[in-house]
Each structure stands twice: as C-alpha cells, then as structure tokens.
Amino acid sequence: MDSGFIELTLGSYIISHGYSAKNKEIMEHVVSETFAKKIIPKTRIKSVSEKYILTDYVDGRWIYWEYQEDYEFVKKLLL
C-alpha cells in the first residue's frame, strides 16, 4: 500500500523566496555539513533531477533539496 510519504537522505538546500521587482529569482543557499534522513509527503514534491528534489514550502516558497540516494532509486519511490 502506498503511504503517500517517502524517506530520503537530504543535505544542503536552496530556498526560492519568489521574485524581485526586476523579475530576478530570490534564492537563499543553505549549506549543511551532513545529510539527514527526512520523511517527505509525496504531495509536496514538484520535480526531481539527478541532484535535487524540489518541494513546496510555506508562503509560496520552494526548496531545492540535495539528496544522497541514486536518481533511479528516488524515481522508483515515486512511481
């Protein structure tokens, strides 16, 4: 049975706070020294690349999380 959640090992991340008056994306880079396991609701996931998983956040923000697992493994978790 699909639980609606996945567990990933996440590290550094980038928060997208929206756009400036000049239409430039406002990004905040947060560097983490280590990776940590986190459980993420599948409904928050917007996309996955070979390096980042993009999730929504509060107040219309998005977070690009760096993940430790293999891309194919993450893809299987989502299918």
N, C-alpha and C. Protein backbone atom coordinates (compact mmCIF):
# COMPACT_ATOMS: atom_id res chain seq x y z
N MET A 1 0.84 -1.19 0.00
CA MET A 1 0.00 0.00 0.00
C MET A 1 0.88 1.24 0.00
N ASP A 2 0.53 2.23 -0.79
CA ASP A 2 1.27 3.47 -0.90
C ASP A 2 0.93 4.37 0.29
N SER A 3 1.97 4.78 1.03
CA SER A 3 1.75 5.58 2.24
C SER A 3 1.57 7.06 1.95
N GLY A 4 2.00 7.51 0.77
CA GLY A 4 1.92 8.93 0.46
C GLY A 4 3.13 9.70 0.94
N PHE A 5 4.11 8.99 1.52
CA PHE A 5 5.35 9.59 2.01
C PHE A 5 6.54 8.82 1.47
N ILE A 6 7.69 9.50 1.36
CA ILE A 6 8.94 8.83 1.05
C ILE A 6 9.99 9.30 2.04
N GLU A 7 10.99 8.45 2.26
CA GLU A 7 12.10 8.81 3.13
C GLU A 7 13.34 8.99 2.27
N LEU A 8 14.00 10.14 2.43
CA LEU A 8 15.24 10.43 1.70
C LEU A 8 16.28 10.99 2.65
N THR A 9 17.53 10.91 2.23
CA THR A 9 18.64 11.47 2.99
C THR A 9 19.00 12.80 2.33
N LEU A 10 18.67 13.91 3.02
CA LEU A 10 18.79 15.24 2.45
C LEU A 10 19.92 16.02 3.09
N GLY A 11 20.51 16.92 2.31
CA GLY A 11 21.63 17.74 2.80
C GLY A 11 21.38 19.21 2.57
N SER A 12 22.30 19.85 1.88
CA SER A 12 22.19 21.28 1.61
C SER A 12 20.94 21.57 0.77
N TYR A 13 20.48 22.82 0.83
CA TYR A 13 19.27 23.16 0.09
C TYR A 13 19.28 24.62 -0.33
N ILE A 14 18.41 24.91 -1.27
CA ILE A 14 18.23 26.26 -1.78
C ILE A 14 16.76 26.62 -1.62
N ILE A 15 16.48 27.74 -0.96
CA ILE A 15 15.11 28.20 -0.80
C ILE A 15 14.85 29.28 -1.85
N SER A 16 13.79 29.10 -2.61
CA SER A 16 13.35 30.13 -3.55
C SER A 16 12.27 30.95 -2.86
N HIS A 17 12.56 32.22 -2.62
CA HIS A 17 11.64 33.11 -1.89
C HIS A 17 10.70 33.88 -2.82
N GLY A 18 10.81 33.64 -4.11
CA GLY A 18 9.97 34.36 -5.07
C GLY A 18 10.83 35.19 -6.00
N TYR A 19 10.27 36.29 -6.46
CA TYR A 19 10.94 37.13 -7.46
C TYR A 19 11.00 38.58 -7.02
N SER A 20 12.08 39.25 -7.42
CA SER A 20 12.24 40.67 -7.13
C SER A 20 11.38 41.50 -8.08
N ALA A 21 11.38 42.79 -7.86
CA ALA A 21 10.64 43.71 -8.74
C ALA A 21 11.19 43.67 -10.17
N LYS A 22 12.45 43.26 -10.31
CA LYS A 22 13.07 43.15 -11.64
C LYS A 22 12.98 41.73 -12.19
N ASN A 23 12.09 40.92 -11.62
CA ASN A 23 11.82 39.55 -12.06
C ASN A 23 13.02 38.62 -11.91
N LYS A 24 13.87 38.89 -10.92
CA LYS A 24 15.02 38.02 -10.63
C LYS A 24 14.65 37.14 -9.44
N GLU A 25 14.88 35.84 -9.58
CA GLU A 25 14.52 34.91 -8.51
C GLU A 25 15.40 35.18 -7.28
N ILE A 26 14.77 35.21 -6.11
CA ILE A 26 15.46 35.46 -4.85
C ILE A 26 15.76 34.10 -4.21
N MET A 27 17.05 33.75 -4.16
CA MET A 27 17.47 32.43 -3.69
C MET A 27 18.31 32.56 -2.42
N GLU A 28 18.08 31.64 -1.48
CA GLU A 28 18.87 31.56 -0.26
C GLU A 28 19.54 30.18 -0.23
N HIS A 29 20.86 30.14 -0.25
CA HIS A 29 21.61 28.88 -0.24
C HIS A 29 21.98 28.53 1.19
N VAL A 30 21.61 27.31 1.61
CA VAL A 30 21.92 26.84 2.96
C VAL A 30 22.80 25.60 2.82
N VAL A 31 24.02 25.67 3.35
CA VAL A 31 24.97 24.57 3.24
C VAL A 31 24.93 23.76 4.53
N SER A 32 24.76 22.46 4.37
CA SER A 32 24.75 21.54 5.50
C SER A 32 26.01 20.69 5.46
N GLU A 33 26.64 20.50 6.58
CA GLU A 33 27.86 19.69 6.66
C GLU A 33 27.55 18.20 6.53
N THR A 34 26.33 17.81 6.87
CA THR A 34 25.96 16.40 6.85
C THR A 34 24.60 16.22 6.16
N PHE A 35 24.29 14.98 5.85
CA PHE A 35 22.97 14.62 5.34
C PHE A 35 22.15 14.03 6.49
N ALA A 36 20.84 14.17 6.41
CA ALA A 36 19.95 13.62 7.43
C ALA A 36 18.72 13.01 6.77
N LYS A 37 18.21 11.96 7.35
CA LYS A 37 17.00 11.33 6.82
C LYS A 37 15.79 12.20 7.14
N LYS A 38 14.92 12.34 6.14
CA LYS A 38 13.68 13.10 6.32
C LYS A 38 12.56 12.36 5.60
N ILE A 39 11.37 12.48 6.14
CA ILE A 39 10.19 11.90 5.51
C ILE A 39 9.42 13.05 4.86
N ILE A 40 9.13 12.87 3.57
CA ILE A 40 8.50 13.93 2.77
C ILE A 40 7.17 13.45 2.22
N PRO A 41 6.10 14.22 2.37
CA PRO A 41 4.84 13.86 1.72
C PRO A 41 5.00 13.97 0.20
N LYS A 42 4.56 12.97 -0.51
CA LYS A 42 4.67 12.98 -1.97
C LYS A 42 3.93 14.17 -2.58
N THR A 43 2.90 14.63 -1.92
CA THR A 43 2.11 15.75 -2.45
C THR A 43 2.91 17.05 -2.49
N ARG A 44 3.99 17.15 -1.71
CA ARG A 44 4.82 18.37 -1.70
C ARG A 44 5.87 18.36 -2.79
N ILE A 45 6.12 17.21 -3.41
CA ILE A 45 7.19 17.08 -4.41
C ILE A 45 6.71 17.62 -5.75
N LYS A 46 7.49 18.54 -6.30
CA LYS A 46 7.15 19.16 -7.59
C LYS A 46 7.96 18.57 -8.74
N SER A 47 9.24 18.23 -8.49
CA SER A 47 10.08 17.62 -9.53
C SER A 47 11.31 17.01 -8.88
N VAL A 48 11.98 16.16 -9.67
CA VAL A 48 13.22 15.52 -9.22
C VAL A 48 14.22 15.57 -10.37
N SER A 49 15.45 16.01 -10.06
CA SER A 49 16.55 15.95 -11.03
C SER A 49 17.59 15.00 -10.47
N GLU A 50 18.70 14.85 -11.15
CA GLU A 50 19.74 13.94 -10.67
C GLU A 50 20.43 14.45 -9.41
N LYS A 51 20.24 15.71 -9.06
CA LYS A 51 20.89 16.26 -7.87
C LYS A 51 19.90 16.78 -6.82
N TYR A 52 18.77 17.31 -7.28
CA TYR A 52 17.83 17.96 -6.36
C TYR A 52 16.42 17.38 -6.45
N ILE A 53 15.73 17.47 -5.31
CA ILE A 53 14.30 17.21 -5.28
C ILE A 53 13.65 18.55 -4.88
N LEU A 54 12.72 18.99 -5.69
CA LEU A 54 12.05 20.28 -5.47
C LEU A 54 10.74 20.04 -4.74
N THR A 55 10.59 20.73 -3.59
CA THR A 55 9.34 20.61 -2.82
C THR A 55 8.78 22.00 -2.55
N ASP A 56 7.48 22.04 -2.31
CA ASP A 56 6.90 23.32 -1.90
C ASP A 56 7.15 23.53 -0.41
N TYR A 57 6.99 24.77 0.02
CA TYR A 57 7.29 25.17 1.38
C TYR A 57 6.22 26.17 1.81
N VAL A 58 6.36 26.80 2.93
CA VAL A 58 5.37 27.75 3.42
C VAL A 58 5.39 29.05 2.62
N ASP A 59 4.27 29.73 2.61
CA ASP A 59 4.13 31.06 2.00
C ASP A 59 4.55 31.11 0.53
N GLY A 60 4.29 30.05 -0.22
CA GLY A 60 4.59 30.04 -1.64
C GLY A 60 6.04 29.83 -2.01
N ARG A 61 6.86 29.53 -1.03
CA ARG A 61 8.28 29.28 -1.31
C ARG A 61 8.48 27.85 -1.80
N TRP A 62 9.63 27.62 -2.44
CA TRP A 62 10.03 26.28 -2.88
C TRP A 62 11.40 25.99 -2.32
N ILE A 63 11.70 24.70 -2.10
CA ILE A 63 13.03 24.29 -1.63
C ILE A 63 13.59 23.24 -2.58
N TYR A 64 14.81 23.48 -3.02
CA TYR A 64 15.58 22.51 -3.80
C TYR A 64 16.50 21.77 -2.83
N TRP A 65 16.17 20.53 -2.48
CA TRP A 65 16.97 19.74 -1.55
C TRP A 65 17.98 18.90 -2.31
N GLU A 66 19.22 18.90 -1.87
CA GLU A 66 20.22 17.97 -2.39
C GLU A 66 19.97 16.63 -1.69
N TYR A 67 19.93 15.55 -2.46
CA TYR A 67 19.68 14.25 -1.84
C TYR A 67 20.83 13.29 -2.12
N GLN A 68 20.96 12.29 -1.25
CA GLN A 68 22.10 11.39 -1.30
C GLN A 68 21.82 10.13 -2.12
N GLU A 69 20.59 9.73 -2.22
CA GLU A 69 20.24 8.50 -2.92
C GLU A 69 20.47 8.61 -4.42
N ASP A 70 20.46 7.49 -5.08
CA ASP A 70 20.56 7.41 -6.53
C ASP A 70 19.25 7.87 -7.17
N TYR A 71 19.36 8.57 -8.30
CA TYR A 71 18.18 9.09 -9.01
C TYR A 71 17.17 7.98 -9.32
N GLU A 72 17.63 6.85 -9.81
CA GLU A 72 16.72 5.74 -10.17
C GLU A 72 15.98 5.22 -8.94
N PHE A 73 16.64 5.19 -7.79
CA PHE A 73 16.01 4.77 -6.54
C PHE A 73 14.88 5.73 -6.18
N VAL A 74 15.15 7.03 -6.27
CA VAL A 74 14.14 8.04 -5.93
C VAL A 74 12.95 7.94 -6.90
N LYS A 75 13.26 7.77 -8.16
CA LYS A 75 12.21 7.64 -9.18
C LYS A 75 11.28 6.46 -8.85
N LYS A 76 11.85 5.34 -8.45
CA LYS A 76 11.04 4.16 -8.11
C LYS A 76 10.16 4.42 -6.89
N LEU A 77 10.67 5.20 -5.93
CA LEU A 77 9.86 5.53 -4.76
C LEU A 77 8.61 6.32 -5.13
N LEU A 78 8.72 7.10 -6.19
CA LEU A 78 7.63 8.00 -6.58
C LEU A 78 6.63 7.35 -7.54
N LEU A 79 7.02 6.27 -8.18
CA LEU A 79 6.12 5.62 -9.17
C LEU A 79 5.20 4.62 -8.51
